[in-house]
């Protein structure tokens, strides 16, 4: 599996390329484990099922009880590779701001991310490396 996380402020885009898995293999992604004073959001974008569940996560260094959002998916039948993408945010309190970034697949292992402030990043997950580029004509290269 090859994975990469790109972040802007509190928003993360988590991308995973599962390679060589048998068709039907399960894939699971969780958000942040939080207590009642924090909010962990998870939004599936590609490869994952649309349903987000909340599961008990036990204890952390900060609290005895916490929960975390979880999404699941499967490697498609007839495939041995799968691309899975989701947005994640950890916040100190619930926010009305929509968890968003324009994330699109490009070919089998490529992703284009357009952040709300206008910057664009392209990610390619090869079997053995990750390449992230910021085209000068699409976003500001100074970020």
Foldseek 3Di string as FASTA:
>chain_A
DDWDWDDDVQKIKIKDKQAQAAFFDKDKDKWDWDDPQKDKDKAWDFQWDGDKDKDWDADDPVGRTTIIIMIMGTHHHPDRMGMTIMMMGMGRDDDPDDRDWDWDADPDFKIWTQGPVFWIWIWGDDVVDIDIDTDVVRHPPPD
